[in-house]
């Protein structure tokens, strides 16, 4: 029988979602814990990959298990898992349901703070430069990207992805005047490796005058890399929403 699980994690202590030889990943920690509690090897598949230090406020996995879950299993699972991983629910799905390939919508939020805040150290990017980017220019850059479907300029060079096509559904900057937090919400059917952090960096560069909107448009029209690219730090990024047509 196949099951989906909805969960969240703070990625600070992990080398990313996927198992890696150089440190503990979220996947490895979950597989270890599920295997121990269910008393058989459990392999899980996630809805996507997040890099070292990136978080998820909503994430889905699937796994196969034909036995009976122990009593109060969800409570026991969360008790054994470390404080930075929480599983909210586990539910049965069709045998062919797939956490990654069946996802039709993914949304991320990137958070920037201009003020040092001990409570945001690991979940927001403390912008270190005196010149703050212009939010209106940043939104113009984000809005420009909504006109395109191919995103080669915003894919890491060491990727093995064959298609650069993504259907952007949202790209929006917002400045909270009360908290001073600057947030970027972006949603698409899929994302390329490193895409969100590179887009945020490009918007910052446009907002500070280091890249013009014309240069950004030319890079998108010709599908070539920007002469000045910037990948923002991982701590400000979180996967916030994943949707499925069926599951």
C-alpha atoms as a PDB file:
ATOM      1  CA  UNK A   1       0.000   0.000   0.000  1.00  0.00           C
ATOM      2  CA  UNK A   2       1.222   3.497  -0.802  1.00  0.00           C
ATOM      3  CA  UNK A   3       1.041   6.422   1.595  1.00  0.00           C
ATOM      4  CA  UNK A   4       1.617  10.145   1.373  1.00  0.00           C
ATOM      5  CA  UNK A   5       2.877  12.135   4.338  1.00  0.00           C
ATOM      6  CA  UNK A   6       2.646  15.908   4.745  1.00  0.00           C
ATOM      7  CA  UNK A   7       5.503  17.409   6.713  1.00  0.00           C
ATOM      8  CA  UNK A   8       7.634  20.483   7.350  1.00  0.00           C
ATOM      9  CA  UNK A   9      11.271  20.979   8.197  1.00  0.00           C
ATOM     10  CA  UNK A  10      13.810  23.614   9.072  1.00  0.00           C
ATOM     11  CA  UNK A  11      16.754  22.886   6.814  1.00  0.00           C
ATOM     12  CA  UNK A  12      19.537  24.630   8.727  1.00  0.00           C
ATOM     13  CA  UNK A  13      21.118  21.477  10.136  1.00  0.00           C
ATOM     14  CA  UNK A  14      20.851  19.395   6.952  1.00  0.00           C
ATOM     15  CA  UNK A  15      22.750  19.055   3.674  1.00  0.00           C
ATOM     16  CA  UNK A  16      19.443  19.350   1.849  1.00  0.00           C
ATOM     17  CA  UNK A  17      16.496  17.067   1.238  1.00  0.00           C
ATOM     18  CA  UNK A  18      18.257  14.304  -0.687  1.00  0.00           C
ATOM     19  CA  UNK A  19      20.668  11.784   0.775  1.00  0.00           C
ATOM     20  CA  UNK A  20      24.279  12.943   0.460  1.00  0.00           C
ATOM     21  CA  UNK A  21      27.612  11.291   1.348  1.00  0.00           C
ATOM     22  CA  UNK A  22      28.858  14.401   3.139  1.00  0.00           C
ATOM     23  CA  UNK A  23      26.270  14.774   5.885  1.00  0.00           C
ATOM     24  CA  UNK A  24      22.783  14.161   7.244  1.00  0.00           C
ATOM     25  CA  UNK A  25      19.862  14.968   4.947  1.00  0.00           C
ATOM     26  CA  UNK A  26      16.175  15.310   5.754  1.00  0.00           C
ATOM     27  CA  UNK A  27      15.443  12.227   3.649  1.00  0.00           C
ATOM     28  CA  UNK A  28      17.971  10.118   5.524  1.00  0.00           C
ATOM     29  CA  UNK A  29      16.667  11.198   8.931  1.00  0.00           C
ATOM     30  CA  UNK A  30      13.081  10.401   7.967  1.00  0.00           C
ATOM     31  CA  UNK A  31      13.962   7.036   6.431  1.00  0.00           C
ATOM     32  CA  UNK A  32      15.949   6.050   9.516  1.00  0.00           C
ATOM     33  CA  UNK A  33      13.101   6.984  11.830  1.00  0.00           C
ATOM     34  CA  UNK A  34      10.328   5.358   9.777  1.00  0.00           C
ATOM     35  CA  UNK A  35      12.369   2.176   9.359  1.00  0.00           C
ATOM     36  CA  UNK A  36      13.021   1.963  13.087  1.00  0.00           C
ATOM     37  CA  UNK A  37       9.382   2.496  14.099  1.00  0.00           C
ATOM     38  CA  UNK A  38       7.899   0.237  11.398  1.00  0.00           C
ATOM     39  CA  UNK A  39      10.604  -2.402  11.910  1.00  0.00           C
ATOM     40  CA  UNK A  40      11.390  -2.807   8.230  1.00  0.00           C
ATOM     41  CA  UNK A  41      13.391  -0.826   5.650  1.00  0.00           C
ATOM     42  CA  UNK A  42      11.407   2.148   4.349  1.00  0.00           C
ATOM     43  CA  UNK A  43      12.416   4.168   1.300  1.00  0.00           C
ATOM     44  CA  UNK A  44      10.736   7.504   0.715  1.00  0.00           C
ATOM     45  CA  UNK A  45      10.353   9.734  -2.336  1.00  0.00           C
ATOM     46  CA  UNK A  46      10.026  13.487  -1.878  1.00  0.00           C
ATOM     47  CA  UNK A  47       8.091  16.048  -3.886  1.00  0.00           C
ATOM     48  CA  UNK A  48      11.335  17.813  -4.820  1.00  0.00           C
ATOM     49  CA  UNK A  49      14.875  18.637  -3.787  1.00  0.00           C
ATOM     50  CA  UNK A  50      15.872  21.481  -1.513  1.00  0.00           C
ATOM     51  CA  UNK A  51      19.464  22.590  -1.073  1.00  0.00           C
ATOM     52  CA  UNK A  52      21.530  22.814   2.095  1.00  0.00           C
ATOM     53  CA  UNK A  53      19.942  25.224   4.553  1.00  0.00           C
ATOM     54  CA  UNK A  54      16.646  25.601   2.646  1.00  0.00           C
ATOM     55  CA  UNK A  55      13.400  25.027   4.560  1.00  0.00           C
ATOM     56  CA  UNK A  56       9.917  23.682   3.814  1.00  0.00           C
ATOM     57  CA  UNK A  57       6.713  24.698   5.556  1.00  0.00           C
ATOM     58  CA  UNK A  58       4.829  22.196   3.399  1.00  0.00           C
ATOM     59  CA  UNK A  59       6.406  19.125   1.851  1.00  0.00           C
ATOM     60  CA  UNK A  60       5.079  15.731   0.704  1.00  0.00           C
ATOM     61  CA  UNK A  61       6.644  12.305   0.526  1.00  0.00           C
ATOM     62  CA  UNK A  62       5.372   8.907  -0.499  1.00  0.00           C
ATOM     63  CA  UNK A  63       6.388   5.477   0.730  1.00  0.00           C
ATOM     64  CA  UNK A  64       5.128   1.897   0.485  1.00  0.00           C
ATOM     65  CA  UNK A  65       4.177  -0.147   3.532  1.00  0.00           C
ATOM     66  CA  UNK A  66       1.960  -3.246   3.722  1.00  0.00           C
ATOM     67  CA  UNK A  67       1.864  -3.750   7.475  1.00  0.00           C
ATOM     68  CA  UNK A  68      -0.204  -2.240  10.262  1.00  0.00           C
ATOM     69  CA  UNK A  69       0.849   1.093  11.702  1.00  0.00           C
ATOM     70  CA  UNK A  70       1.552   0.944  15.444  1.00  0.00           C
ATOM     71  CA  UNK A  71      -0.940   2.625  17.739  1.00  0.00           C
ATOM     72  CA  UNK A  72      -0.648   6.435  17.897  1.00  0.00           C
ATOM     73  CA  UNK A  73       1.985   6.174  15.174  1.00  0.00           C
ATOM     74  CA  UNK A  74       1.985   9.848  14.150  1.00  0.00           C
ATOM     75  CA  UNK A  75       2.534  10.978  17.731  1.00  0.00           C
ATOM     76  CA  UNK A  76       5.317   8.462  18.215  1.00  0.00           C
ATOM     77  CA  UNK A  77       6.933   9.448  14.926  1.00  0.00           C
ATOM     78  CA  UNK A  78       7.055  13.113  15.889  1.00  0.00           C
ATOM     79  CA  UNK A  79       8.384  12.259  19.326  1.00  0.00           C
ATOM     80  CA  UNK A  80      11.360  10.402  17.834  1.00  0.00           C
ATOM     81  CA  UNK A  81      12.074  12.876  15.029  1.00  0.00           C
ATOM     82  CA  UNK A  82      14.279  15.876  15.894  1.00  0.00           C
ATOM     83  CA  UNK A  83      12.555  19.202  16.671  1.00  0.00           C
ATOM     84  CA  UNK A  84      13.325  20.592  13.211  1.00  0.00           C
ATOM     85  CA  UNK A  85      11.208  17.978  11.365  1.00  0.00           C
ATOM     86  CA  UNK A  86       7.453  17.599  11.889  1.00  0.00           C
ATOM     87  CA  UNK A  87       5.034  15.198  10.180  1.00  0.00           C
ATOM     88  CA  UNK A  88       1.468  16.518  10.131  1.00  0.00           C
ATOM     89  CA  UNK A  89      -0.459  13.660   8.584  1.00  0.00           C
ATOM     90  CA  UNK A  90      -0.131  10.314   6.800  1.00  0.00           C
ATOM     91  CA  UNK A  91      -2.801   9.131   4.393  1.00  0.00           C
ATOM     92  CA  UNK A  92      -3.317   6.302   1.925  1.00  0.00           C
ATOM     93  CA  UNK A  93      -3.216   7.074  -1.811  1.00  0.00           C
ATOM     94  CA  UNK A  94      -3.536   5.110  -5.035  1.00  0.00           C
ATOM     95  CA  UNK A  95      -0.671   2.659  -5.673  1.00  0.00           C
ATOM     96  CA  UNK A  96       0.568   4.691  -8.658  1.00  0.00           C
ATOM     97  CA  UNK A  97       0.492   8.087  -6.907  1.00  0.00           C
ATOM     98  CA  UNK A  98       3.883   9.825  -6.944  1.00  0.00           C
ATOM     99  CA  UNK A  99       4.935  12.634  -4.612  1.00  0.00           C
ATOM    100  CA  UNK A 100       7.263  14.214  -7.159  1.00  0.00           C
ATOM    101  CA  UNK A 101       5.859  13.523 -10.610  1.00  0.00           C
ATOM    102  CA  UNK A 102       2.199  14.128  -9.715  1.00  0.00           C
ATOM    103  CA  UNK A 103       2.843  17.560  -8.194  1.00  0.00           C
ATOM    104  CA  UNK A 104       1.454  20.250 -10.506  1.00  0.00           C
ATOM    105  CA  UNK A 105       2.180  23.363  -8.416  1.00  0.00           C
ATOM    106  CA  UNK A 106       5.012  24.419  -6.152  1.00  0.00           C
ATOM    107  CA  UNK A 107       5.394  27.734  -4.341  1.00  0.00           C
ATOM    108  CA  UNK A 108       8.407  29.226  -2.577  1.00  0.00           C
ATOM    109  CA  UNK A 109       8.894  32.284  -0.390  1.00  0.00           C
ATOM    110  CA  UNK A 110      12.166  34.152   0.033  1.00  0.00           C
ATOM    111  CA  UNK A 111      12.479  36.452   3.046  1.00  0.00           C
ATOM    112  CA  UNK A 112      14.870  39.375   3.400  1.00  0.00           C
ATOM    113  CA  UNK A 113      15.390  41.422   6.547  1.00  0.00           C
ATOM    114  CA  UNK A 114      17.253  44.709   6.760  1.00  0.00           C
ATOM    115  CA  UNK A 115      17.491  44.625  10.550  1.00  0.00           C
ATOM    116  CA  UNK A 116      19.518  42.115  12.544  1.00  0.00           C
ATOM    117  CA  UNK A 117      17.059  39.892  14.375  1.00  0.00           C
ATOM    118  CA  UNK A 118      18.244  36.912  16.479  1.00  0.00           C
ATOM    119  CA  UNK A 119      14.955  35.131  15.798  1.00  0.00           C
ATOM    120  CA  UNK A 120      15.379  35.336  12.007  1.00  0.00           C
ATOM    121  CA  UNK A 121      19.038  34.343  11.799  1.00  0.00           C
ATOM    122  CA  UNK A 122      18.355  30.966  10.200  1.00  0.00           C
ATOM    123  CA  UNK A 123      15.133  31.723   8.318  1.00  0.00           C
ATOM    124  CA  UNK A 124      15.752  35.087   6.613  1.00  0.00           C
ATOM    125  CA  UNK A 125      18.572  36.695   4.653  1.00  0.00           C
ATOM    126  CA  UNK A 126      20.054  39.632   6.551  1.00  0.00           C
ATOM    127  CA  UNK A 127      20.777  42.053   3.705  1.00  0.00           C
ATOM    128  CA  UNK A 128      24.290  43.345   4.419  1.00  0.00           C
ATOM    129  CA  UNK A 129      24.605  46.336   2.081  1.00  0.00           C
ATOM    130  CA  UNK A 130      23.707  49.971   2.858  1.00  0.00           C
ATOM    131  CA  UNK A 131      21.918  50.511  -0.463  1.00  0.00           C
ATOM    132  CA  UNK A 132      18.510  48.894  -0.245  1.00  0.00           C
ATOM    133  CA  UNK A 133      17.050  47.663  -3.524  1.00  0.00           C
ATOM    134  CA  UNK A 134      14.051  49.497  -4.950  1.00  0.00           C
ATOM    135  CA  UNK A 135      10.966  47.241  -4.452  1.00  0.00           C
ATOM    136  CA  UNK A 136       9.251  48.735  -7.514  1.00  0.00           C
ATOM    137  CA  UNK A 137      12.185  47.843  -9.766  1.00  0.00           C
ATOM    138  CA  UNK A 138      12.358  44.396  -8.204  1.00  0.00           C
ATOM    139  CA  UNK A 139       8.694  43.852  -8.989  1.00  0.00           C
ATOM    140  CA  UNK A 140       9.237  45.043 -12.555  1.00  0.00           C
ATOM    141  CA  UNK A 141      11.950  42.404 -12.942  1.00  0.00           C
ATOM    142  CA  UNK A 142       9.717  39.712 -11.458  1.00  0.00           C
ATOM    143  CA  UNK A 143       6.796  40.751 -13.653  1.00  0.00           C
ATOM    144  CA  UNK A 144       8.993  40.566 -16.735  1.00  0.00           C
ATOM    145  CA  UNK A 145       9.794  36.924 -16.006  1.00  0.00           C
ATOM    146  CA  UNK A 146       6.094  36.021 -16.065  1.00  0.00           C
ATOM    147  CA  UNK A 147       6.182  36.603 -19.826  1.00  0.00           C
ATOM    148  CA  UNK A 148       8.570  33.680 -20.424  1.00  0.00           C
ATOM    149  CA  UNK A 149       8.455  29.894 -20.320  1.00  0.00           C
ATOM    150  CA  UNK A 150      12.166  29.004 -20.643  1.00  0.00           C
ATOM    151  CA  UNK A 151      14.600  29.853 -17.843  1.00  0.00           C
ATOM    152  CA  UNK A 152      18.115  28.856 -18.874  1.00  0.00           C
ATOM    153  CA  UNK A 153      19.583  32.071 -17.355  1.00  0.00           C
ATOM    154  CA  UNK A 154      18.343  30.913 -13.955  1.00  0.00           C
ATOM    155  CA  UNK A 155      19.567  27.332 -13.877  1.00  0.00           C
ATOM    156  CA  UNK A 156      22.793  26.231 -12.209  1.00  0.00           C
ATOM    157  CA  UNK A 157      25.449  25.279 -14.742  1.00  0.00           C
ATOM    158  CA  UNK A 158      26.054  21.796 -13.276  1.00  0.00           C
ATOM    159  CA  UNK A 159      22.494  20.580 -13.748  1.00  0.00           C
ATOM    160  CA  UNK A 160      21.510  17.532 -15.826  1.00  0.00           C
ATOM    161  CA  UNK A 161      18.033  18.918 -16.608  1.00  0.00           C
ATOM    162  CA  UNK A 162      17.038  18.469 -20.239  1.00  0.00           C
ATOM    163  CA  UNK A 163      14.168  20.977 -20.334  1.00  0.00           C
ATOM    164  CA  UNK A 164      14.365  24.583 -19.118  1.00  0.00           C
ATOM    165  CA  UNK A 165      10.624  25.096 -19.487  1.00  0.00           C
ATOM    166  CA  UNK A 166       8.637  26.200 -16.447  1.00  0.00           C
ATOM    167  CA  UNK A 167       5.145  27.665 -16.187  1.00  0.00           C
ATOM    168  CA  UNK A 168       5.405  30.591 -13.782  1.00  0.00           C
ATOM    169  CA  UNK A 169       2.122  31.333 -12.048  1.00  0.00           C
ATOM    170  CA  UNK A 170       3.241  33.996  -9.552  1.00  0.00           C
ATOM    171  CA  UNK A 171       6.251  36.250  -8.991  1.00  0.00           C
ATOM    172  CA  UNK A 172       5.513  38.950  -6.432  1.00  0.00           C
ATOM    173  CA  UNK A 173       7.519  41.142  -4.075  1.00  0.00           C
ATOM    174  CA  UNK A 174       5.981  42.629  -0.927  1.00  0.00           C
ATOM    175  CA  UNK A 175       7.419  44.971   1.694  1.00  0.00           C
ATOM    176  CA  UNK A 176       5.808  44.880   5.134  1.00  0.00           C
ATOM    177  CA  UNK A 177       6.138  48.419   6.451  1.00  0.00           C
ATOM    178  CA  UNK A 178       5.487  47.256  10.023  1.00  0.00           C
ATOM    179  CA  UNK A 179       8.095  44.496  10.270  1.00  0.00           C
ATOM    180  CA  UNK A 180      10.416  45.747   7.551  1.00  0.00           C
ATOM    181  CA  UNK A 181      10.498  42.283   5.993  1.00  0.00           C
ATOM    182  CA  UNK A 182      10.771  42.030   2.217  1.00  0.00           C
ATOM    183  CA  UNK A 183       9.307  38.820   0.817  1.00  0.00           C
ATOM    184  CA  UNK A 184       9.214  37.258  -2.632  1.00  0.00           C
ATOM    185  CA  UNK A 185       6.539  34.703  -3.494  1.00  0.00           C
ATOM    186  CA  UNK A 186       7.006  32.622  -6.610  1.00  0.00           C
ATOM    187  CA  UNK A 187       4.994  29.666  -7.909  1.00  0.00           C
ATOM    188  CA  UNK A 188       5.292  27.373 -10.915  1.00  0.00           C
ATOM    189  CA  UNK A 189       4.569  23.867 -12.062  1.00  0.00           C
ATOM    190  CA  UNK A 190       8.286  23.068 -11.635  1.00  0.00           C
ATOM    191  CA  UNK A 191      11.588  24.779 -10.856  1.00  0.00           C
ATOM    192  CA  UNK A 192      15.115  24.320 -12.130  1.00  0.00           C
ATOM    193  CA  UNK A 193      18.050  23.686  -9.826  1.00  0.00           C
ATOM    194  CA  UNK A 194      18.950  26.909  -8.022  1.00  0.00           C
ATOM    195  CA  UNK A 195      16.318  28.833  -9.988  1.00  0.00           C
ATOM    196  CA  UNK A 196      14.569  30.703  -7.164  1.00  0.00           C
ATOM    197  CA  UNK A 197      17.747  31.946  -5.497  1.00  0.00           C
ATOM    198  CA  UNK A 198      19.127  33.132  -8.845  1.00  0.00           C
ATOM    199  CA  UNK A 199      15.876  34.947  -9.664  1.00  0.00           C
ATOM    200  CA  UNK A 200      15.882  36.663  -6.270  1.00  0.00           C
ATOM    201  CA  UNK A 201      19.490  37.690  -6.864  1.00  0.00           C
ATOM    202  CA  UNK A 202      18.629  39.082 -10.290  1.00  0.00           C
ATOM    203  CA  UNK A 203      15.742  41.089  -8.840  1.00  0.00           C
ATOM    204  CA  UNK A 204      18.094  42.523  -6.200  1.00  0.00           C
ATOM    205  CA  UNK A 205      20.621  43.433  -8.885  1.00  0.00           C
ATOM    206  CA  UNK A 206      17.907  45.190 -10.881  1.00  0.00           C
ATOM    207  CA  UNK A 207      16.675  46.903  -7.723  1.00  0.00           C
ATOM    208  CA  UNK A 208      20.150  48.263  -6.989  1.00  0.00           C
ATOM    209  CA  UNK A 209      20.931  49.292 -10.564  1.00  0.00           C
ATOM    210  CA  UNK A 210      23.602  46.656 -11.171  1.00  0.00           C
ATOM    211  CA  UNK A 211      21.494  45.051 -13.917  1.00  0.00           C
ATOM    212  CA  UNK A 212      18.994  46.909 -16.110  1.00  0.00           C
ATOM    213  CA  UNK A 213      15.579  45.640 -17.082  1.00  0.00           C
ATOM    214  CA  UNK A 214      16.808  45.741 -20.679  1.00  0.00           C
ATOM    215  CA  UNK A 215      19.703  43.439 -19.865  1.00  0.00           C
ATOM    216  CA  UNK A 216      17.360  41.060 -18.068  1.00  0.00           C
ATOM    217  CA  UNK A 217      14.987  41.051 -21.035  1.00  0.00           C
ATOM    218  CA  UNK A 218      17.839  40.401 -23.462  1.00  0.00           C
ATOM    219  CA  UNK A 219      19.062  37.455 -21.368  1.00  0.00           C
ATOM    220  CA  UNK A 220      15.576  35.970 -21.390  1.00  0.00           C
ATOM    221  CA  UNK A 221      14.996  36.634 -25.083  1.00  0.00           C
ATOM    222  CA  UNK A 222      18.298  35.013 -26.072  1.00  0.00           C
ATOM    223  CA  UNK A 223      18.283  32.420 -23.259  1.00  0.00           C
ATOM    224  CA  UNK A 224      21.807  33.351 -22.213  1.00  0.00           C
ATOM    225  CA  UNK A 225      23.218  33.990 -18.764  1.00  0.00           C
ATOM    226  CA  UNK A 226      23.329  37.453 -17.282  1.00  0.00           C
ATOM    227  CA  UNK A 227      26.800  38.998 -17.213  1.00  0.00           C
ATOM    228  CA  UNK A 228      26.270  39.662 -13.504  1.00  0.00           C
ATOM    229  CA  UNK A 229      24.483  36.881 -11.639  1.00  0.00           C
ATOM    230  CA  UNK A 230      23.833  36.524  -7.927  1.00  0.00           C
ATOM    231  CA  UNK A 231      22.547  33.495  -6.030  1.00  0.00           C
ATOM    232  CA  UNK A 232      21.242  34.639  -2.652  1.00  0.00           C
ATOM    233  CA  UNK A 233      21.985  32.631   0.531  1.00  0.00           C
ATOM    234  CA  UNK A 234      19.804  29.583   1.259  1.00  0.00           C
ATOM    235  CA  UNK A 235      18.507  30.508   4.718  1.00  0.00           C
ATOM    236  CA  UNK A 236      15.866  32.901   3.387  1.00  0.00           C
ATOM    237  CA  UNK A 237      14.205  30.295   1.158  1.00  0.00           C
ATOM    238  CA  UNK A 238      11.309  28.002   2.038  1.00  0.00           C
ATOM    239  CA  UNK A 239       9.056  25.719   0.019  1.00  0.00           C
ATOM    240  CA  UNK A 240       5.602  26.817   1.156  1.00  0.00           C
ATOM    241  CA  UNK A 241       2.970  25.047  -0.934  1.00  0.00           C
ATOM    242  CA  UNK A 242       2.698  21.897  -3.055  1.00  0.00           C
ATOM    243  CA  UNK A 243      -0.464  20.897  -4.897  1.00  0.00           C
ATOM    244  CA  UNK A 244      -1.636  17.797  -6.725  1.00  0.00           C
ATOM    245  CA  UNK A 245      -4.315  17.208  -9.305  1.00  0.00           C
ATOM    246  CA  UNK A 246      -4.980  13.803  -7.726  1.00  0.00           C
ATOM    247  CA  UNK A 247      -3.676  12.061  -4.607  1.00  0.00           C
END
